[in-house]
Amino acid sequence: MTEARARARIGTMSTTSKIRPLGDRIVLRRIEAEEKSPGGIVIPDAAKEKPSQGLVVAVGPGLLPTAAALATAQRVPLDVKEGDRVLFGKYAGTEVRVDGADLVILRQEDLLAVLE
């Protein structure tokens, strides 16, 4: 699935209105890997690995870092926003299913990079 099609799917699904991450958590949808290798060889489903790229569906409000910040209610904003394409660890996060959509919930510290 191309990135543009994946972004379009995110915009049309009502999943984002049904799940709101807390703190520094992020909800993302995995981007499926291509079914062919660069050499043109078709990769069977059994041989595919879990994709480690995803599109951010929802972002929490941020983290309250210290007790002093708690008194002033100042949160540290997250580095990602909805629609960003990110890399994350193979076994990072918790997989959930919301309205038939497979999502991953993880903390910002589990993200490895933002792809531009």
C-alpha atoms as a PDB file:
ATOM      1  CA  MET A   1       0.000   0.000   0.000  1.00  0.00           C
ATOM      2  CA  THR A   2       1.385   3.366  -0.911  1.00  0.00           C
ATOM      3  CA  GLU A   3       1.791   6.100   1.666  1.00  0.00           C
ATOM      4  CA  ALA A   4      -0.846   8.287  -0.022  1.00  0.00           C
ATOM      5  CA  ARG A   5      -3.420   5.479   0.047  1.00  0.00           C
ATOM      6  CA  ALA A   6      -2.598   4.721   3.676  1.00  0.00           C
ATOM      7  CA  ARG A   7      -3.011   8.402   4.619  1.00  0.00           C
ATOM      8  CA  ALA A   8      -6.346   8.491   2.780  1.00  0.00           C
ATOM      9  CA  ARG A   9      -7.541   5.418   4.695  1.00  0.00           C
ATOM     10  CA  ILE A  10      -6.645   7.044   7.998  1.00  0.00           C
ATOM     11  CA  GLY A  11      -8.713  10.087   7.118  1.00  0.00           C
ATOM     12  CA  THR A  12     -11.795   8.039   6.231  1.00  0.00           C
ATOM     13  CA  MET A  13     -11.842   5.707   9.224  1.00  0.00           C
ATOM     14  CA  SER A  14     -13.677   6.597  12.405  1.00  0.00           C
ATOM     15  CA  THR A  15     -11.113   4.761  14.526  1.00  0.00           C
ATOM     16  CA  THR A  16      -9.366   7.953  15.572  1.00  0.00           C
ATOM     17  CA  SER A  17     -12.522   9.250  17.231  1.00  0.00           C
ATOM     18  CA  LYS A  18     -12.866   6.062  19.287  1.00  0.00           C
ATOM     19  CA  ILE A  19      -9.366   5.892  20.739  1.00  0.00           C
ATOM     20  CA  ARG A  20      -7.511   8.667  22.555  1.00  0.00           C
ATOM     21  CA  PRO A  21      -4.012   7.873  23.841  1.00  0.00           C
ATOM     22  CA  LEU A  22      -2.965   9.130  27.268  1.00  0.00           C
ATOM     23  CA  GLY A  23       0.291  10.798  28.293  1.00  0.00           C
ATOM     24  CA  ASP A  24       3.153  10.237  25.871  1.00  0.00           C
ATOM     25  CA  ARG A  25       1.489   7.331  24.066  1.00  0.00           C
ATOM     26  CA  ILE A  26       0.989   7.194  20.315  1.00  0.00           C
ATOM     27  CA  VAL A  27      -1.460   5.125  18.258  1.00  0.00           C
ATOM     28  CA  LEU A  28      -0.303   4.043  14.818  1.00  0.00           C
ATOM     29  CA  ARG A  29      -1.301   1.790  11.970  1.00  0.00           C
ATOM     30  CA  ARG A  30       1.359  -0.474  10.484  1.00  0.00           C
ATOM     31  CA  ILE A  31       2.309   0.150   6.850  1.00  0.00           C
ATOM     32  CA  GLU A  32       2.354  -3.197   5.104  1.00  0.00           C
ATOM     33  CA  ALA A  33       5.532  -4.178   3.283  1.00  0.00           C
ATOM     34  CA  GLU A  34       5.550  -4.587  -0.473  1.00  0.00           C
ATOM     35  CA  GLU A  35       4.656  -8.043  -1.737  1.00  0.00           C
ATOM     36  CA  LYS A  36       7.581  -8.087  -4.179  1.00  0.00           C
ATOM     37  CA  SER A  37      11.271  -7.739  -3.503  1.00  0.00           C
ATOM     38  CA  PRO A  38      13.269  -5.104  -5.415  1.00  0.00           C
ATOM     39  CA  GLY A  39      14.353  -7.915  -7.767  1.00  0.00           C
ATOM     40  CA  GLY A  40      10.733  -8.768  -8.607  1.00  0.00           C
ATOM     41  CA  ILE A  41      10.438 -11.926  -6.502  1.00  0.00           C
ATOM     42  CA  VAL A  42       6.998 -12.376  -4.906  1.00  0.00           C
ATOM     43  CA  ILE A  43       7.265 -12.845  -1.129  1.00  0.00           C
ATOM     44  CA  PRO A  44       4.718 -15.297   0.335  1.00  0.00           C
ATOM     45  CA  ASP A  45       2.693 -14.224   3.393  1.00  0.00           C
ATOM     46  CA  ALA A  46       4.357 -16.845   5.605  1.00  0.00           C
ATOM     47  CA  ALA A  47       7.819 -15.400   4.901  1.00  0.00           C
ATOM     48  CA  LYS A  48       6.915 -11.759   5.565  1.00  0.00           C
ATOM     49  CA  GLU A  49       8.070 -10.077   8.750  1.00  0.00           C
ATOM     50  CA  LYS A  50       5.991  -7.612  10.702  1.00  0.00           C
ATOM     51  CA  PRO A  51       6.429  -4.177   9.192  1.00  0.00           C
ATOM     52  CA  SER A  52       8.332  -1.749  11.383  1.00  0.00           C
ATOM     53  CA  GLN A  53       6.903   1.356   9.714  1.00  0.00           C
ATOM     54  CA  GLY A  54       3.631   2.977  10.590  1.00  0.00           C
ATOM     55  CA  LEU A  55       1.450   6.037  10.178  1.00  0.00           C
ATOM     56  CA  VAL A  56       0.543   7.946  13.324  1.00  0.00           C
ATOM     57  CA  VAL A  57      -3.233   7.872  13.859  1.00  0.00           C
ATOM     58  CA  ALA A  58      -3.479   9.650  17.232  1.00  0.00           C
ATOM     59  CA  VAL A  59      -1.094  11.339  19.683  1.00  0.00           C
ATOM     60  CA  GLY A  60      -1.458  11.802  23.426  1.00  0.00           C
ATOM     61  CA  PRO A  61      -1.293  15.226  25.112  1.00  0.00           C
ATOM     62  CA  GLY A  62       2.308  14.830  26.290  1.00  0.00           C
ATOM     63  CA  LEU A  63       4.122  13.822  29.451  1.00  0.00           C
ATOM     64  CA  LEU A  64       4.202  15.549  32.814  1.00  0.00           C
ATOM     65  CA  PRO A  65       7.955  15.203  33.503  1.00  0.00           C
ATOM     66  CA  THR A  66       8.327  16.158  37.178  1.00  0.00           C
ATOM     67  CA  ALA A  67       6.351  16.905  40.310  1.00  0.00           C
ATOM     68  CA  ALA A  68       7.093  20.620  39.822  1.00  0.00           C
ATOM     69  CA  ALA A  69       5.596  20.489  36.324  1.00  0.00           C
ATOM     70  CA  LEU A  70       2.569  18.718  37.751  1.00  0.00           C
ATOM     71  CA  ALA A  71       1.845  21.761  39.936  1.00  0.00           C
ATOM     72  CA  THR A  72       1.876  24.064  36.897  1.00  0.00           C
ATOM     73  CA  ALA A  73       0.275  21.467  34.598  1.00  0.00           C
ATOM     74  CA  GLN A  74       2.913  22.001  31.888  1.00  0.00           C
ATOM     75  CA  ARG A  75       3.242  19.020  29.587  1.00  0.00           C
ATOM     76  CA  VAL A  76       6.206  18.206  27.374  1.00  0.00           C
ATOM     77  CA  PRO A  77       4.794  18.085  23.812  1.00  0.00           C
ATOM     78  CA  LEU A  78       5.499  15.028  21.666  1.00  0.00           C
ATOM     79  CA  ASP A  79       7.822  15.145  18.649  1.00  0.00           C
ATOM     80  CA  VAL A  80       5.323  13.495  16.272  1.00  0.00           C
ATOM     81  CA  LYS A  81       1.912  14.480  14.968  1.00  0.00           C
ATOM     82  CA  GLU A  82      -0.970  12.696  13.280  1.00  0.00           C
ATOM     83  CA  GLY A  83      -0.090  11.613   9.742  1.00  0.00           C
ATOM     84  CA  ASP A  84       3.672  11.247  10.367  1.00  0.00           C
ATOM     85  CA  ARG A  85       5.369   8.138   8.991  1.00  0.00           C
ATOM     86  CA  VAL A  86       7.566   6.570  11.675  1.00  0.00           C
ATOM     87  CA  LEU A  87       9.936   3.673  12.311  1.00  0.00           C
ATOM     88  CA  PHE A  88       9.595   1.643  15.499  1.00  0.00           C
ATOM     89  CA  GLY A  89      11.091  -1.472  17.053  1.00  0.00           C
ATOM     90  CA  LYS A  90       9.952  -4.871  15.832  1.00  0.00           C
ATOM     91  CA  TYR A  91       8.467  -5.905  19.188  1.00  0.00           C
ATOM     92  CA  ALA A  92       7.602  -2.416  20.486  1.00  0.00           C
ATOM     93  CA  GLY A  93       4.162  -1.450  21.708  1.00  0.00           C
ATOM     94  CA  THR A  94       0.899  -3.246  22.292  1.00  0.00           C
ATOM     95  CA  GLU A  95      -1.227  -4.457  19.398  1.00  0.00           C
ATOM     96  CA  VAL A  96      -4.958  -3.730  19.667  1.00  0.00           C
ATOM     97  CA  ARG A  97      -7.966  -4.130  17.406  1.00  0.00           C
ATOM     98  CA  VAL A  98     -10.519  -1.288  17.299  1.00  0.00           C
ATOM     99  CA  ASP A  99     -13.532  -1.599  14.972  1.00  0.00           C
ATOM    100  CA  GLY A 100     -11.702  -4.143  12.819  1.00  0.00           C
ATOM    101  CA  ALA A 101      -8.580  -1.991  12.444  1.00  0.00           C
ATOM    102  CA  ASP A 102      -5.264  -3.381  13.731  1.00  0.00           C
ATOM    103  CA  LEU A 103      -3.418  -0.649  15.632  1.00  0.00           C
ATOM    104  CA  VAL A 104      -0.277  -0.400  17.753  1.00  0.00           C
ATOM    105  CA  ILE A 105      -0.096   1.697  20.927  1.00  0.00           C
ATOM    106  CA  LEU A 106       3.386   2.646  22.072  1.00  0.00           C
ATOM    107  CA  ARG A 107       5.292   5.323  23.942  1.00  0.00           C
ATOM    108  CA  GLN A 108       7.249   8.010  22.149  1.00  0.00           C
ATOM    109  CA  GLU A 109      10.490   6.513  23.492  1.00  0.00           C
ATOM    110  CA  ASP A 110       9.750   3.328  21.476  1.00  0.00           C
ATOM    111  CA  LEU A 111       9.893   5.289  18.202  1.00  0.00           C
ATOM    112  CA  LEU A 112      13.194   5.158  16.359  1.00  0.00           C
ATOM    113  CA  ALA A 113      12.740   7.838  13.694  1.00  0.00           C
ATOM    114  CA  VAL A 114      10.312   9.957  11.697  1.00  0.00           C
ATOM    115  CA  LEU A 115      10.525   9.430   7.925  1.00  0.00           C
ATOM    116  CA  GLU A 116      10.257  12.537   5.764  1.00  0.00           C
END
